């Protein structure tokens, strides 16, 4: 609820990494790992901003942020085929109106 993210290892109750206030205090609505690139995850906050984290590029801050101001995004999901190395990764955004938006993710965040 405060925008904090914690990365845990399954064998420990303590986080390996913790990022406080990662969304400038906005509650996190959804978080999902990229299906095609294990070091990348996406975060959706309550202000309809999407943060892209690439832990191989920067493990302190997100590498990109995109705000979708036109309408509230209520959830997101990622599409991709982890067994294929073509780097195709999509993000599905469900808006408050019921509209679904599908966007392609740049290859630099999708390639294994």
PDB file of N, CA and C in Angstrom:
ATOM      1  N   UNK A   1       0.808  -1.213   0.000  1.00  0.00           N
ATOM      2  CA  UNK A   1       0.000   0.000   0.000  1.00  0.00           C
ATOM      3  C   UNK A   1       0.848   1.273   0.000  1.00  0.00           C
ATOM      4  N   UNK A   2       2.146   1.164   0.332  1.00  0.00           N
ATOM      5  CA  UNK A   2       2.996   2.350   0.392  1.00  0.00           C
ATOM      6  C   UNK A   2       3.996   2.428  -0.762  1.00  0.00           C
ATOM      7  N   UNK A   3       3.907   1.515  -1.714  1.00  0.00           N
ATOM      8  CA  UNK A   3       4.809   1.522  -2.855  1.00  0.00           C
ATOM      9  C   UNK A   3       6.104   0.769  -2.631  1.00  0.00           C
ATOM     10  N   UNK A   4       6.224   0.053  -1.530  1.00  0.00           N
ATOM     11  CA  UNK A   4       7.436  -0.722  -1.262  1.00  0.00           C
ATOM     12  C   UNK A   4       7.389  -2.059  -1.990  1.00  0.00           C
ATOM     13  N   UNK A   5       8.572  -2.481  -2.458  1.00  0.00           N
ATOM     14  CA  UNK A   5       8.709  -3.778  -3.130  1.00  0.00           C
ATOM     15  C   UNK A   5       9.795  -4.541  -2.401  1.00  0.00           C
ATOM     16  N   UNK A   6       9.538  -5.831  -2.162  1.00  0.00           N
ATOM     17  CA  UNK A   6      10.530  -6.685  -1.521  1.00  0.00           C
ATOM     18  C   UNK A   6      10.758  -7.918  -2.376  1.00  0.00           C
ATOM     19  N   UNK A   7      12.026  -8.256  -2.577  1.00  0.00           N
ATOM     20  CA  UNK A   7      12.406  -9.447  -3.323  1.00  0.00           C
ATOM     21  C   UNK A   7      12.879 -10.494  -2.321  1.00  0.00           C
ATOM     22  N   UNK A   8      12.174 -11.620  -2.294  1.00  0.00           N
ATOM     23  CA  UNK A   8      12.475 -12.676  -1.326  1.00  0.00           C
ATOM     24  C   UNK A   8      13.030 -13.914  -2.001  1.00  0.00           C
ATOM     25  N   UNK A   9      13.851 -14.620  -1.261  1.00  0.00           N
ATOM     26  CA  UNK A   9      14.280 -15.956  -1.634  1.00  0.00           C
ATOM     27  C   UNK A   9      13.368 -16.919  -0.882  1.00  0.00           C
ATOM     28  N   UNK A  10      12.997 -18.018  -1.513  1.00  0.00           N
ATOM     29  CA  UNK A  10      12.023 -18.944  -0.917  1.00  0.00           C
ATOM     30  C   UNK A  10      12.492 -19.538   0.415  1.00  0.00           C
ATOM     31  N   UNK A  11      13.790 -19.562   0.669  1.00  0.00           N
ATOM     32  CA  UNK A  11      14.305 -20.209   1.874  1.00  0.00           C
ATOM     33  C   UNK A  11      14.529 -19.251   3.039  1.00  0.00           C
ATOM     34  N   UNK A  12      14.139 -17.975   2.883  1.00  0.00           N
ATOM     35  CA  UNK A  12      14.388 -17.003   3.944  1.00  0.00           C
ATOM     36  C   UNK A  12      13.187 -16.088   4.118  1.00  0.00           C
ATOM     37  N   UNK A  13      12.943 -15.719   5.355  1.00  0.00           N
ATOM     38  CA  UNK A  13      11.853 -14.780   5.619  1.00  0.00           C
ATOM     39  C   UNK A  13      12.274 -13.329   5.399  1.00  0.00           C
ATOM     40  N   UNK A  14      13.581 -13.091   5.290  1.00  0.00           N
ATOM     41  CA  UNK A  14      14.101 -11.751   5.090  1.00  0.00           C
ATOM     42  C   UNK A  14      14.323 -11.482   3.599  1.00  0.00           C
ATOM     43  N   UNK A  15      14.003 -10.274   3.145  1.00  0.00           N
ATOM     44  CA  UNK A  15      14.163  -9.975   1.712  1.00  0.00           C
ATOM     45  C   UNK A  15      15.626  -9.879   1.296  1.00  0.00           C
ATOM     46  N   UNK A  16      15.897 -10.301   0.052  1.00  0.00           N
ATOM     47  CA  UNK A  16      17.224 -10.106  -0.530  1.00  0.00           C
ATOM     48  C   UNK A  16      17.441  -8.632  -0.870  1.00  0.00           C
ATOM     49  N   UNK A  17      16.379  -8.004  -1.366  1.00  0.00           N
ATOM     50  CA  UNK A  17      16.402  -6.582  -1.727  1.00  0.00           C
ATOM     51  C   UNK A  17      15.077  -5.969  -1.278  1.00  0.00           C
ATOM     52  N   UNK A  18      15.127  -4.687  -1.001  1.00  0.00           N
ATOM     53  CA  UNK A  18      13.904  -3.964  -0.677  1.00  0.00           C
ATOM     54  C   UNK A  18      14.013  -2.564  -1.233  1.00  0.00           C
ATOM     55  N   UNK A  19      12.960  -2.143  -1.928  1.00  0.00           N
ATOM     56  CA  UNK A  19      12.906  -0.801  -2.492  1.00  0.00           C
ATOM     57  C   UNK A  19      11.733  -0.078  -1.837  1.00  0.00           C
ATOM     58  N   UNK A  20      12.034   0.874  -0.968  1.00  0.00           N
ATOM     59  CA  UNK A  20      10.991   1.641  -0.298  1.00  0.00           C
ATOM     60  C   UNK A  20      10.546   2.783  -1.196  1.00  0.00           C
ATOM     61  N   UNK A  21       9.261   3.077  -1.142  1.00  0.00           N
ATOM     62  CA  UNK A  21       8.709   4.222  -1.870  1.00  0.00           C
ATOM     63  C   UNK A  21       9.046   4.164  -3.366  1.00  0.00           C
ATOM     64  N   UNK A  22       8.996   2.968  -3.941  1.00  0.00           N
ATOM     65  CA  UNK A  22       9.378   2.785  -5.346  1.00  0.00           C
ATOM     66  C   UNK A  22       8.416   3.451  -6.320  1.00  0.00           C
ATOM     67  N   UNK A  23       7.212   3.769  -5.860  1.00  0.00           N
ATOM     68  CA  UNK A  23       6.205   4.395  -6.717  1.00  0.00           C
ATOM     69  C   UNK A  23       5.814   5.779  -6.194  1.00  0.00           C
ATOM     70  N   UNK A  24       6.726   6.431  -5.503  1.00  0.00           N
ATOM     71  CA  UNK A  24       6.451   7.741  -4.884  1.00  0.00           C
ATOM     72  C   UNK A  24       5.244   7.698  -3.964  1.00  0.00           C
ATOM     73  N   UNK A  25       5.097   6.596  -3.236  1.00  0.00           N
ATOM     74  CA  UNK A  25       4.029   6.462  -2.253  1.00  0.00           C
ATOM     75  C   UNK A  25       2.708   5.927  -2.788  1.00  0.00           C
ATOM     76  N   UNK A  26       2.582   5.744  -4.094  1.00  0.00           N
ATOM     77  CA  UNK A  26       1.348   5.216  -4.678  1.00  0.00           C
ATOM     78  C   UNK A  26       1.224   3.718  -4.373  1.00  0.00           C
ATOM     79  N   UNK A  27       0.028   3.244  -4.018  1.00  0.00           N
ATOM     80  CA  UNK A  27      -0.148   1.802  -3.801  1.00  0.00           C
ATOM     81  C   UNK A  27       0.132   1.011  -5.078  1.00  0.00           C
ATOM     82  N   UNK A  28       0.690  -0.166  -4.913  1.00  0.00           N
ATOM     83  CA  UNK A  28       0.962  -1.051  -6.044  1.00  0.00           C
ATOM     84  C   UNK A  28      -0.272  -1.889  -6.316  1.00  0.00           C
ATOM     85  N   UNK A  29      -0.735  -1.865  -7.562  1.00  0.00           N
ATOM     86  CA  UNK A  29      -1.915  -2.619  -7.978  1.00  0.00           C
ATOM     87  C   UNK A  29      -1.515  -4.008  -8.478  1.00  0.00           C
ATOM     88  N   UNK A  30      -0.434  -4.083  -9.247  1.00  0.00           N
ATOM     89  CA  UNK A  30       0.002  -5.361  -9.818  1.00  0.00           C
ATOM     90  C   UNK A  30       1.511  -5.345 -10.015  1.00  0.00           C
ATOM     91  N   UNK A  31       2.112  -6.519  -9.914  1.00  0.00           N
ATOM     92  CA  UNK A  31       3.537  -6.701 -10.171  1.00  0.00           C
ATOM     93  C   UNK A  31       3.690  -8.050 -10.842  1.00  0.00           C
ATOM     94  N   UNK A  32       4.440  -8.085 -11.936  1.00  0.00           N
ATOM     95  CA  UNK A  32       4.633  -9.351 -12.641  1.00  0.00           C
ATOM     96  C   UNK A  32       6.006  -9.405 -13.279  1.00  0.00           C
ATOM     97  N   UNK A  33       6.652 -10.568 -13.153  1.00  0.00           N
ATOM     98  CA  UNK A  33       7.932 -10.816 -13.811  1.00  0.00           C
ATOM     99  C   UNK A  33       7.711 -10.997 -15.300  1.00  0.00           C
ATOM    100  N   UNK A  34       8.673 -10.534 -16.101  1.00  0.00           N
ATOM    101  CA  UNK A  34       8.633 -10.771 -17.548  1.00  0.00           C
ATOM    102  C   UNK A  34       8.740 -12.270 -17.791  1.00  0.00           C
ATOM    103  N   UNK A  35       7.984 -12.761 -18.732  1.00  0.00           N
ATOM    104  CA  UNK A  35       7.965 -14.201 -19.024  1.00  0.00           C
ATOM    105  C   UNK A  35       9.185 -14.627 -19.835  1.00  0.00           C
ATOM    106  N   UNK A  36       9.804 -13.693 -20.525  1.00  0.00           N
ATOM    107  CA  UNK A  36      10.896 -14.034 -21.434  1.00  0.00           C
ATOM    108  C   UNK A  36      12.264 -13.573 -20.941  1.00  0.00           C
ATOM    109  N   UNK A  37      12.293 -12.747 -19.902  1.00  0.00           N
ATOM    110  CA  UNK A  37      13.568 -12.230 -19.382  1.00  0.00           C
ATOM    111  C   UNK A  37      13.486 -12.197 -17.852  1.00  0.00           C
ATOM    112  N   UNK A  38      14.105 -13.140 -17.177  1.00  0.00           N
ATOM    113  CA  UNK A  38      13.916 -13.308 -15.729  1.00  0.00           C
ATOM    114  C   UNK A  38      14.346 -12.130 -14.852  1.00  0.00           C
ATOM    115  N   UNK A  39      15.192 -11.248 -15.314  1.00  0.00           N
ATOM    116  CA  UNK A  39      15.658 -10.135 -14.487  1.00  0.00           C
ATOM    117  C   UNK A  39      14.766  -8.902 -14.586  1.00  0.00           C
ATOM    118  N   UNK A  40      13.684  -8.984 -15.350  1.00  0.00           N
ATOM    119  CA  UNK A  40      12.814  -7.829 -15.588  1.00  0.00           C
ATOM    120  C   UNK A  40      11.446  -8.069 -14.959  1.00  0.00           C
ATOM    121  N   UNK A  41      10.949  -7.039 -14.254  1.00  0.00           N
ATOM    122  CA  UNK A  41       9.567  -7.106 -13.780  1.00  0.00           C
ATOM    123  C   UNK A  41       8.886  -5.764 -13.986  1.00  0.00           C
ATOM    124  N   UNK A  42       7.566  -5.806 -14.024  1.00  0.00           N
ATOM    125  CA  UNK A  42       6.727  -4.643 -14.302  1.00  0.00           C
ATOM    126  C   UNK A  42       5.843  -4.378 -13.091  1.00  0.00           C
ATOM    127  N   UNK A  43       5.668  -3.100 -12.773  1.00  0.00           N
ATOM    128  CA  UNK A  43       4.857  -2.691 -11.628  1.00  0.00           C
ATOM    129  C   UNK A  43       3.821  -1.691 -12.119  1.00  0.00           C
ATOM    130  N   UNK A  44       2.567  -1.896 -11.730  1.00  0.00           N
ATOM    131  CA  UNK A  44       1.475  -0.955 -12.008  1.00  0.00           C
ATOM    132  C   UNK A  44       1.063  -0.340 -10.688  1.00  0.00           C
ATOM    133  N   UNK A  45       1.010   1.001 -10.627  1.00  0.00           N
ATOM    134  CA  UNK A  45       0.577   1.645  -9.391  1.00  0.00           C
ATOM    135  C   UNK A  45      -0.825   2.236  -9.549  1.00  0.00           C
ATOM    136  N   UNK A  46      -1.349   2.763  -8.458  1.00  0.00           N
ATOM    137  CA  UNK A  46      -2.729   3.261  -8.425  1.00  0.00           C
ATOM    138  C   UNK A  46      -2.945   4.506  -9.275  1.00  0.00           C
ATOM    139  N   UNK A  47      -1.881   5.187  -9.692  1.00  0.00           N
ATOM    140  CA  UNK A  47      -2.033   6.363 -10.550  1.00  0.00           C
ATOM    141  C   UNK A  47      -1.882   6.003 -12.030  1.00  0.00           C
ATOM    142  N   UNK A  48      -1.999   4.710 -12.356  1.00  0.00           N
ATOM    143  CA  UNK A  48      -1.894   4.199 -13.731  1.00  0.00           C
ATOM    144  C   UNK A  48      -0.513   4.426 -14.334  1.00  0.00           C
ATOM    145  N   UNK A  49       0.512   4.337 -13.509  1.00  0.00           N
ATOM    146  CA  UNK A  49       1.894   4.394 -13.988  1.00  0.00           C
ATOM    147  C   UNK A  49       2.467   2.982 -13.996  1.00  0.00           C
ATOM    148  N   UNK A  50       3.226   2.690 -15.048  1.00  0.00           N
ATOM    149  CA  UNK A  50       3.893   1.396 -15.169  1.00  0.00           C
ATOM    150  C   UNK A  50       5.392   1.636 -15.040  1.00  0.00           C
ATOM    151  N   UNK A  51       6.004   0.892 -14.157  1.00  0.00           N
ATOM    152  CA  UNK A  51       7.443   0.973 -13.924  1.00  0.00           C
ATOM    153  C   UNK A  51       8.067  -0.304 -14.435  1.00  0.00           C
ATOM    154  N   UNK A  52       9.167  -0.170 -15.178  1.00  0.00           N
ATOM    155  CA  UNK A  52       9.891  -1.338 -15.667  1.00  0.00           C
ATOM    156  C   UNK A  52      11.212  -1.406 -14.914  1.00  0.00           C
ATOM    157  N   UNK A  53      11.431  -2.534 -14.275  1.00  0.00           N
ATOM    158  CA  UNK A  53      12.661  -2.789 -13.526  1.00  0.00           C
ATOM    159  C   UNK A  53      13.465  -3.825 -14.282  1.00  0.00           C
ATOM    160  N   UNK A  54      14.726  -3.531 -14.568  1.00  0.00           N
ATOM    161  CA  UNK A  54      15.658  -4.497 -15.151  1.00  0.00           C
ATOM    162  C   UNK A  54      16.826  -4.594 -14.176  1.00  0.00           C
ATOM    163  N   UNK A  55      16.847  -5.642 -13.376  1.00  0.00           N
ATOM    164  CA  UNK A  55      17.835  -5.768 -12.314  1.00  0.00           C
ATOM    165  C   UNK A  55      19.255  -5.948 -12.841  1.00  0.00           C
ATOM    166  N   UNK A  56      19.398  -6.359 -14.104  1.00  0.00           N
ATOM    167  CA  UNK A  56      20.732  -6.465 -14.691  1.00  0.00           C
ATOM    168  C   UNK A  56      21.274  -5.096 -15.093  1.00  0.00           C
ATOM    169  N   UNK A  57      20.367  -4.174 -15.383  1.00  0.00           N
ATOM    170  CA  UNK A  57      20.781  -2.825 -15.792  1.00  0.00           C
ATOM    171  C   UNK A  57      20.909  -1.890 -14.590  1.00  0.00           C
ATOM    172  N   UNK A  58      19.947  -1.957 -13.664  1.00  0.00           N
ATOM    173  CA  UNK A  58      19.955  -1.083 -12.496  1.00  0.00           C
ATOM    174  C   UNK A  58      19.141  -1.756 -11.401  1.00  0.00           C
ATOM    175  N   UNK A  59      19.777  -2.064 -10.279  1.00  0.00           N
ATOM    176  CA  UNK A  59      19.030  -2.713  -9.204  1.00  0.00           C
ATOM    177  C   UNK A  59      18.606  -1.736  -8.107  1.00  0.00           C
ATOM    178  N   UNK A  60      18.747  -0.432  -8.370  1.00  0.00           N
ATOM    179  CA  UNK A  60      18.330   0.575  -7.399  1.00  0.00           C
ATOM    180  C   UNK A  60      17.045   1.293  -7.786  1.00  0.00           C
ATOM    181  N   UNK A  61      16.837   1.469  -9.099  1.00  0.00           N
ATOM    182  CA  UNK A  61      15.693   2.250  -9.596  1.00  0.00           C
ATOM    183  C   UNK A  61      15.100   1.590 -10.829  1.00  0.00           C
ATOM    184  N   UNK A  62      13.840   1.896 -11.148  1.00  0.00           N
ATOM    185  CA  UNK A  62      13.287   1.400 -12.406  1.00  0.00           C
ATOM    186  C   UNK A  62      14.038   1.996 -13.594  1.00  0.00           C
ATOM    187  N   UNK A  63      14.121   1.239 -14.679  1.00  0.00           N
ATOM    188  CA  UNK A  63      14.811   1.726 -15.878  1.00  0.00           C
ATOM    189  C   UNK A  63      13.881   2.545 -16.773  1.00  0.00           C
ATOM    190  N   UNK A  64      12.575   2.429 -16.552  1.00  0.00           N
ATOM    191  CA  UNK A  64      11.611   3.201 -17.346  1.00  0.00           C
ATOM    192  C   UNK A  64      10.312   3.357 -16.562  1.00  0.00           C
ATOM    193  N   UNK A  65       9.600   4.423 -16.891  1.00  0.00           N
ATOM    194  CA  UNK A  65       8.279   4.679 -16.301  1.00  0.00           C
ATOM    195  C   UNK A  65       7.386   5.239 -17.395  1.00  0.00           C
ATOM    196  N   UNK A  66       6.163   4.733 -17.456  1.00  0.00           N
ATOM    197  CA  UNK A  66       5.181   5.224 -18.428  1.00  0.00           C
ATOM    198  C   UNK A  66       3.879   5.476 -17.680  1.00  0.00           C
ATOM    199  N   UNK A  67       3.367   6.698 -17.771  1.00  0.00           N
ATOM    200  CA  UNK A  67       2.096   7.028 -17.135  1.00  0.00           C
ATOM    201  C   UNK A  67       1.005   7.048 -18.187  1.00  0.00           C
ATOM    202  N   UNK A  68      -0.124   6.435 -17.863  1.00  0.00           N
ATOM    203  CA  UNK A  68      -1.278   6.385 -18.769  1.00  0.00           C
ATOM    204  C   UNK A  68      -2.382   7.253 -18.167  1.00  0.00           C
ATOM    205  N   UNK A  69      -2.371   8.553 -18.443  1.00  0.00           N
ATOM    206  CA  UNK A  69      -3.267   9.486 -17.763  1.00  0.00           C
ATOM    207  C   UNK A  69      -4.708   9.483 -18.256  1.00  0.00           C
ATOM    208  N   UNK A  70      -4.969   8.892 -19.397  1.00  0.00           N
ATOM    209  CA  UNK A  70      -6.299   9.026 -20.001  1.00  0.00           C
ATOM    210  C   UNK A  70      -7.401   8.329 -19.201  1.00  0.00           C
ATOM    211  N   UNK A  71      -7.084   7.200 -18.579  1.00  0.00           N
ATOM    212  CA  UNK A  71      -8.111   6.446 -17.851  1.00  0.00           C
ATOM    213  C   UNK A  71      -7.436   5.520 -16.852  1.00  0.00           C
ATOM    214  N   UNK A  72      -8.116   5.265 -15.760  1.00  0.00           N
ATOM    215  CA  UNK A  72      -7.546   4.394 -14.737  1.00  0.00           C
ATOM    216  C   UNK A  72      -7.350   2.973 -15.241  1.00  0.00           C
ATOM    217  N   UNK A  73      -6.136   2.465 -15.065  1.00  0.00           N
ATOM    218  CA  UNK A  73      -5.825   1.077 -15.373  1.00  0.00           C
ATOM    219  C   UNK A  73      -6.010   0.299 -14.073  1.00  0.00           C
ATOM    220  N   UNK A  74      -6.843  -0.746 -14.110  1.00  0.00           N
ATOM    221  CA  UNK A  74      -7.167  -1.479 -12.885  1.00  0.00           C
ATOM    222  C   UNK A  74      -6.314  -2.727 -12.684  1.00  0.00           C
ATOM    223  N   UNK A  75      -5.748  -3.270 -13.763  1.00  0.00           N
ATOM    224  CA  UNK A  75      -4.845  -4.405 -13.625  1.00  0.00           C
ATOM    225  C   UNK A  75      -4.045  -4.580 -14.907  1.00  0.00           C
ATOM    226  N   UNK A  76      -3.025  -5.430 -14.817  1.00  0.00           N
ATOM    227  CA  UNK A  76      -2.201  -5.714 -15.987  1.00  0.00           C
ATOM    228  C   UNK A  76      -1.801  -7.182 -15.958  1.00  0.00           C
ATOM    229  N   UNK A  77      -1.420  -7.680 -17.120  1.00  0.00           N
ATOM    230  CA  UNK A  77      -0.885  -9.035 -17.251  1.00  0.00           C
ATOM    231  C   UNK A  77       0.119  -9.017 -18.386  1.00  0.00           C
ATOM    232  N   UNK A  78       1.059  -9.950 -18.347  1.00  0.00           N
ATOM    233  CA  UNK A  78       2.066 -10.041 -19.398  1.00  0.00           C
ATOM    234  C   UNK A  78       1.813 -11.262 -20.256  1.00  0.00           C
ATOM    235  N   UNK A  79       2.084 -11.115 -21.546  1.00  0.00           N
ATOM    236  CA  UNK A  79       1.943 -12.206 -22.507  1.00  0.00           C
ATOM    237  C   UNK A  79       3.308 -12.522 -23.084  1.00  0.00           C
ATOM    238  N   UNK A  80       3.594 -13.781 -23.271  1.00  0.00           N
ATOM    239  CA  UNK A  80       4.860 -14.169 -23.882  1.00  0.00           C
ATOM    240  C   UNK A  80       5.037 -15.665 -23.796  1.00  0.00           C
ATOM    241  N   UNK A  81       6.005 -16.161 -24.525  1.00  0.00           N
ATOM    242  CA  UNK A  81       6.293 -17.590 -24.531  1.00  0.00           C
ATOM    243  C   UNK A  81       7.737 -17.781 -24.064  1.00  0.00           C
ATOM    244  N   UNK A  82       7.928 -18.161 -22.800  1.00  0.00           N
ATOM    245  CA  UNK A  82       9.280 -18.245 -22.261  1.00  0.00           C
ATOM    246  C   UNK A  82      10.178 -19.242 -22.975  1.00  0.00           C
ATOM    247  N   UNK A  83       9.595 -20.250 -23.618  1.00  0.00           N
ATOM    248  CA  UNK A  83      10.407 -21.259 -24.304  1.00  0.00           C
ATOM    249  C   UNK A  83      10.922 -20.778 -25.661  1.00  0.00           C
ATOM    250  N   UNK A  84      10.416 -19.652 -26.148  1.00  0.00           N
ATOM    251  CA  UNK A  84      10.878 -19.105 -27.428  1.00  0.00           C
ATOM    252  C   UNK A  84      11.840 -17.950 -27.171  1.00  0.00           C
ATOM    253  N   UNK A  85      12.842 -17.829 -28.008  1.00  0.00           N
ATOM    254  CA  UNK A  85      13.857 -16.791 -27.822  1.00  0.00           C
ATOM    255  C   UNK A  85      13.670 -15.610 -28.773  1.00  0.00           C
ATOM    256  N   UNK A  86      12.453 -15.428 -29.296  1.00  0.00           N
ATOM    257  CA  UNK A  86      12.203 -14.337 -30.244  1.00  0.00           C
ATOM    258  C   UNK A  86      12.011 -12.984 -29.554  1.00  0.00           C
ATOM    259  N   UNK A  87      11.909 -12.986 -28.249  1.00  0.00           N
ATOM    260  CA  UNK A  87      11.793 -11.727 -27.525  1.00  0.00           C
ATOM    261  C   UNK A  87      10.454 -11.042 -27.638  1.00  0.00           C
ATOM    262  N   UNK A  88       9.412 -11.771 -27.996  1.00  0.00           N
ATOM    263  CA  UNK A  88       8.086 -11.170 -28.066  1.00  0.00           C
ATOM    264  C   UNK A  88       7.453 -11.180 -26.680  1.00  0.00           C
ATOM    265  N   UNK A  89       7.140  -9.994 -26.185  1.00  0.00           N
ATOM    266  CA  UNK A  89       6.518  -9.846 -24.879  1.00  0.00           C
ATOM    267  C   UNK A  89       5.479  -8.747 -24.991  1.00  0.00           C
ATOM    268  N   UNK A  90       4.302  -9.015 -24.496  1.00  0.00           N
ATOM    269  CA  UNK A  90       3.230  -8.034 -24.538  1.00  0.00           C
ATOM    270  C   UNK A  90       2.718  -7.743 -23.148  1.00  0.00           C
ATOM    271  N   UNK A  91       2.149  -6.575 -22.997  1.00  0.00           N
ATOM    272  CA  UNK A  91       1.531  -6.194 -21.731  1.00  0.00           C
ATOM    273  C   UNK A  91       0.068  -5.877 -22.006  1.00  0.00           C
ATOM    274  N   UNK A  92      -0.797  -6.468 -21.218  1.00  0.00           N
ATOM    275  CA  UNK A  92      -2.241  -6.279 -21.345  1.00  0.00           C
ATOM    276  C   UNK A  92      -2.693  -5.387 -20.197  1.00  0.00           C
ATOM    277  N   UNK A  93      -3.378  -4.313 -20.528  1.00  0.00           N
ATOM    278  CA  UNK A  93      -3.856  -3.365 -19.532  1.00  0.00           C
ATOM    279  C   UNK A  93      -5.377  -3.344 -19.551  1.00  0.00           C
ATOM    280  N   UNK A  94      -5.989  -3.579 -18.411  1.00  0.00           N
ATOM    281  CA  UNK A  94      -7.445  -3.516 -18.291  1.00  0.00           C
ATOM    282  C   UNK A  94      -7.811  -2.180 -17.662  1.00  0.00           C
ATOM    283  N   UNK A  95      -8.650  -1.433 -18.364  1.00  0.00           N
ATOM    284  CA  UNK A  95      -9.031  -0.100 -17.902  1.00  0.00           C
ATOM    285  C   UNK A  95     -10.359  -0.146 -17.163  1.00  0.00           C
ATOM    286  N   UNK A  96     -10.614   0.891 -16.384  1.00  0.00           N
ATOM    287  CA  UNK A  96     -11.819   0.972 -15.566  1.00  0.00           C
ATOM    288  C   UNK A  96     -13.099   0.871 -16.401  1.00  0.00           C
ATOM    289  N   UNK A  97     -13.058   1.348 -17.624  1.00  0.00           N
ATOM    290  CA  UNK A  97     -14.227   1.323 -18.509  1.00  0.00           C
ATOM    291  C   UNK A  97     -14.521  -0.074 -19.048  1.00  0.00           C
ATOM    292  N   UNK A  98     -13.582  -1.010 -18.855  1.00  0.00           N
ATOM    293  CA  UNK A  98     -13.723  -2.349 -19.415  1.00  0.00           C
ATOM    294  C   UNK A  98     -12.911  -2.541 -20.683  1.00  0.00           C
ATOM    295  N   UNK A  99     -12.319  -1.478 -21.179  1.00  0.00           N
ATOM    296  CA  UNK A  99     -11.493  -1.556 -22.384  1.00  0.00           C
ATOM    297  C   UNK A  99     -10.185  -2.272 -22.058  1.00  0.00           C
ATOM    298  N   UNK A 100      -9.726  -3.096 -23.003  1.00  0.00           N
ATOM    299  CA  UNK A 100      -8.461  -3.818 -22.878  1.00  0.00           C
ATOM    300  C   UNK A 100      -7.484  -3.241 -23.891  1.00  0.00           C
ATOM    301  N   UNK A 101      -6.273  -2.966 -23.446  1.00  0.00           N
ATOM    302  CA  UNK A 101      -5.230  -2.423 -24.305  1.00  0.00           C
ATOM    303  C   UNK A 101      -4.049  -3.385 -24.268  1.00  0.00           C
ATOM    304  N   UNK A 102      -3.566  -3.801 -25.441  1.00  0.00           N
ATOM    305  CA  UNK A 102      -2.419  -4.695 -25.536  1.00  0.00           C
ATOM    306  C   UNK A 102      -1.296  -3.950 -26.232  1.00  0.00           C
ATOM    307  N   UNK A 103      -0.123  -3.920 -25.588  1.00  0.00           N
ATOM    308  CA  UNK A 103       1.026  -3.216 -26.151  1.00  0.00           C
ATOM    309  C   UNK A 103       2.223  -4.152 -26.182  1.00  0.00           C
ATOM    310  N   UNK A 104       3.087  -3.960 -27.169  1.00  0.00           N
ATOM    311  CA  UNK A 104       4.331  -4.727 -27.250  1.00  0.00           C
ATOM    312  C   UNK A 104       5.391  -4.054 -26.388  1.00  0.00           C
ATOM    313  N   UNK A 105       6.196  -4.879 -25.744  1.00  0.00           N
ATOM    314  CA  UNK A 105       7.294  -4.388 -24.918  1.00  0.00           C
ATOM    315  C   UNK A 105       8.560  -4.342 -25.785  1.00  0.00           C
ATOM    316  N   UNK A 106       9.365  -3.301 -25.601  1.00  0.00           N
ATOM    317  CA  UNK A 106      10.612  -3.184 -26.358  1.00  0.00           C
ATOM    318  C   UNK A 106      11.465  -4.426 -26.171  1.00  0.00           C
ATOM    319  N   UNK A 107      12.121  -4.829 -27.230  1.00  0.00           N
ATOM    320  CA  UNK A 107      12.928  -6.050 -27.209  1.00  0.00           C
ATOM    321  C   UNK A 107      14.022  -6.030 -26.149  1.00  0.00           C
ATOM    322  N   UNK A 108      14.556  -4.857 -25.828  1.00  0.00           N
ATOM    323  CA  UNK A 108      15.637  -4.802 -24.842  1.00  0.00           C
ATOM    324  C   UNK A 108      15.174  -5.250 -23.459  1.00  0.00           C
ATOM    325  N   UNK A 109      13.862  -5.227 -23.198  1.00  0.00           N
ATOM    326  CA  UNK A 109      13.334  -5.704 -21.931  1.00  0.00           C
ATOM    327  C   UNK A 109      12.672  -7.066 -22.075  1.00  0.00           C
ATOM    328  N   UNK A 110      12.688  -7.605 -23.275  1.00  0.00           N
ATOM    329  CA  UNK A 110      12.010  -8.883 -23.518  1.00  0.00           C
ATOM    330  C   UNK A 110      12.944 -10.016 -23.923  1.00  0.00           C
ATOM    331  N   UNK A 111      14.068  -9.693 -24.568  1.00  0.00           N
ATOM    332  CA  UNK A 111      14.965 -10.748 -25.031  1.00  0.00           C
ATOM    333  C   UNK A 111      15.627 -11.462 -23.857  1.00  0.00           C
ATOM    334  N   UNK A 112      15.734 -12.794 -23.933  1.00  0.00           N
ATOM    335  CA  UNK A 112      16.382 -13.537 -22.836  1.00  0.00           C
ATOM    336  C   UNK A 112      17.856 -13.188 -22.714  1.00  0.00           C
TER     337      UNK A 112
END
